[in-house]
C-alpha atoms as a PDB file:
ATOM      1  CA  MET A   1     -22.565  -8.761  63.970  1.00  0.00           C
ATOM      2  CA  LYS A   2     -23.512 -10.758  66.921  1.00  0.00           C
ATOM      3  CA  LEU A   3     -21.888 -11.174  69.808  1.00  0.00           C
ATOM      4  CA  GLU A   4     -21.965 -14.765  69.625  1.00  0.00           C
ATOM      5  CA  ARG A   5     -19.635 -14.592  66.494  1.00  0.00           C
ATOM      6  CA  PHE A   6     -16.567 -13.758  69.413  1.00  0.00           C
ATOM      7  CA  ALA A   7     -17.846 -14.998  72.688  1.00  0.00           C
ATOM      8  CA  ARG A   8     -15.161 -17.808  73.496  1.00  0.00           C
ATOM      9  CA  ARG A   9     -15.995 -21.094  74.334  1.00  0.00           C
ATOM     10  CA  PRO A  10     -15.982 -22.759  77.034  1.00  0.00           C
ATOM     11  CA  VAL A  11     -16.789 -19.522  79.490  1.00  0.00           C
ATOM     12  CA  VAL A  12     -14.486 -19.694  82.285  1.00  0.00           C
ATOM     13  CA  ALA A  13     -15.411 -18.485  85.437  1.00  0.00           C
ATOM     14  CA  LEU A  14     -14.554 -18.314  89.305  1.00  0.00           C
ATOM     15  CA  ASN A  15     -16.456 -19.109  92.564  1.00  0.00           C
ATOM     16  CA  PRO A  16     -16.328 -16.568  95.378  1.00  0.00           C
ATOM     17  CA  GLY A  17     -14.018 -19.108  97.760  1.00  0.00           C
ATOM     18  CA  ASP A  18     -11.669 -19.282  94.757  1.00  0.00           C
ATOM     19  CA  THR A  19      -7.834 -18.357  95.594  1.00  0.00           C
ATOM     20  CA  LEU A  20      -6.094 -15.320  94.012  1.00  0.00           C
ATOM     21  CA  ASN A  21      -3.256 -17.923  92.391  1.00  0.00           C
ATOM     22  CA  HIS A  22      -6.774 -19.743  91.101  1.00  0.00           C
ATOM     23  CA  ALA A  23      -7.984 -16.907  89.435  1.00  0.00           C
ATOM     24  CA  MET A  24      -4.133 -15.838  87.939  1.00  0.00           C
ATOM     25  CA  GLN A  25      -3.411 -19.236  86.239  1.00  0.00           C
ATOM     26  CA  GLN A  26      -7.210 -19.263  84.997  1.00  0.00           C
ATOM     27  CA  MET A  27      -6.903 -15.625  83.328  1.00  0.00           C
ATOM     28  CA  TRP A  28      -3.277 -16.825  81.995  1.00  0.00           C
ATOM     29  CA  ARG A  29      -3.957 -19.837  80.549  1.00  0.00           C
ATOM     30  CA  MET A  30      -6.740 -18.692  78.876  1.00  0.00           C
ATOM     31  CA  SER A  31      -4.996 -15.111  77.954  1.00  0.00           C
ATOM     32  CA  ILE A  32      -7.618 -12.934  79.206  1.00  0.00           C
ATOM     33  CA  GLN A  33      -8.017 -10.168  81.993  1.00  0.00           C
ATOM     34  CA  HIS A  34     -11.948 -10.528  83.414  1.00  0.00           C
ATOM     35  CA  LEU A  35     -13.450 -12.992  84.649  1.00  0.00           C
ATOM     36  CA  PRO A  36     -17.144 -13.414  85.986  1.00  0.00           C
ATOM     37  CA  VAL A  37     -17.493 -14.552  90.004  1.00  0.00           C
ATOM     38  CA  VAL A  38     -20.330 -17.376  89.820  1.00  0.00           C
ATOM     39  CA  ARG A  39     -22.205 -18.687  92.780  1.00  0.00           C
ATOM     40  CA  HIS A  40     -25.047 -21.622  92.544  1.00  0.00           C
ATOM     41  CA  GLY A  41     -24.615 -20.666  88.480  1.00  0.00           C
ATOM     42  CA  ARG A  42     -25.602 -17.175  88.926  1.00  0.00           C
ATOM     43  CA  PRO A  43     -23.072 -14.000  88.183  1.00  0.00           C
ATOM     44  CA  VAL A  44     -22.179 -12.565  91.673  1.00  0.00           C
ATOM     45  CA  GLY A  45     -19.225 -10.215  90.433  1.00  0.00           C
ATOM     46  CA  MET A  46     -16.160  -9.983  87.975  1.00  0.00           C
ATOM     47  CA  VAL A  47     -12.698 -10.168  89.031  1.00  0.00           C
ATOM     48  CA  SER A  48     -10.068  -8.305  86.667  1.00  0.00           C
ATOM     49  CA  GLU A  49      -6.309  -8.713  86.399  1.00  0.00           C
ATOM     50  CA  ARG A  50      -5.849  -5.139  87.420  1.00  0.00           C
ATOM     51  CA  ASP A  51      -7.920  -6.192  90.762  1.00  0.00           C
ATOM     52  CA  LEU A  52      -5.573  -9.163  91.885  1.00  0.00           C
ATOM     53  CA  LEU A  53      -2.365  -6.935  91.000  1.00  0.00           C
ATOM     54  CA  TYR A  54      -3.862  -4.088  93.312  1.00  0.00           C
ATOM     55  CA  HIS A  55      -4.466  -6.708  95.927  1.00  0.00           C
ATOM     56  CA  VAL A  56      -0.948  -8.482  95.953  1.00  0.00           C
ATOM     57  CA  CYS A  57       0.957  -5.474  95.147  1.00  0.00           C
ATOM     58  CA  GLY A  58      -1.117  -2.652  97.072  1.00  0.00           C
ATOM     59  CA  ASP A  59       0.024   1.372  96.779  1.00  0.00           C
ATOM     60  CA  SER A  60       2.969   0.468  95.039  1.00  0.00           C
ATOM     61  CA  TYR A  61       1.344  -0.608  92.025  1.00  0.00           C
ATOM     62  CA  ALA A  62      -1.359   1.884  92.186  1.00  0.00           C
ATOM     63  CA  VAL A  63       1.399   4.463  91.751  1.00  0.00           C
ATOM     64  CA  HIS A  64       3.079   2.420  89.226  1.00  0.00           C
ATOM     65  CA  GLU A  65       0.130   2.769  87.221  1.00  0.00           C
ATOM     66  CA  LEU A  66      -0.648   6.462  87.889  1.00  0.00           C
ATOM     67  CA  SER A  67       3.033   7.765  87.029  1.00  0.00           C
ATOM     68  CA  HIS A  68       2.510   5.590  83.020  1.00  0.00           C
ATOM     69  CA  LYS A  69      -0.616   6.902  82.262  1.00  0.00           C
END
């Protein structure tokens, strides 16, 4: 079975200059937890919902995650 069967279209990506708010809105709108970051049409990284939550909530999020594993 090929991945093209499962790949979402259209492809949603972020730019390095996008805000955290924009990234979260895209994730919520598309019901996804990871987005590629693209510069000039080339991938430069990935960002996850967890990355964004950790940045916003800091250590309190990390402690919450560890206590619920």
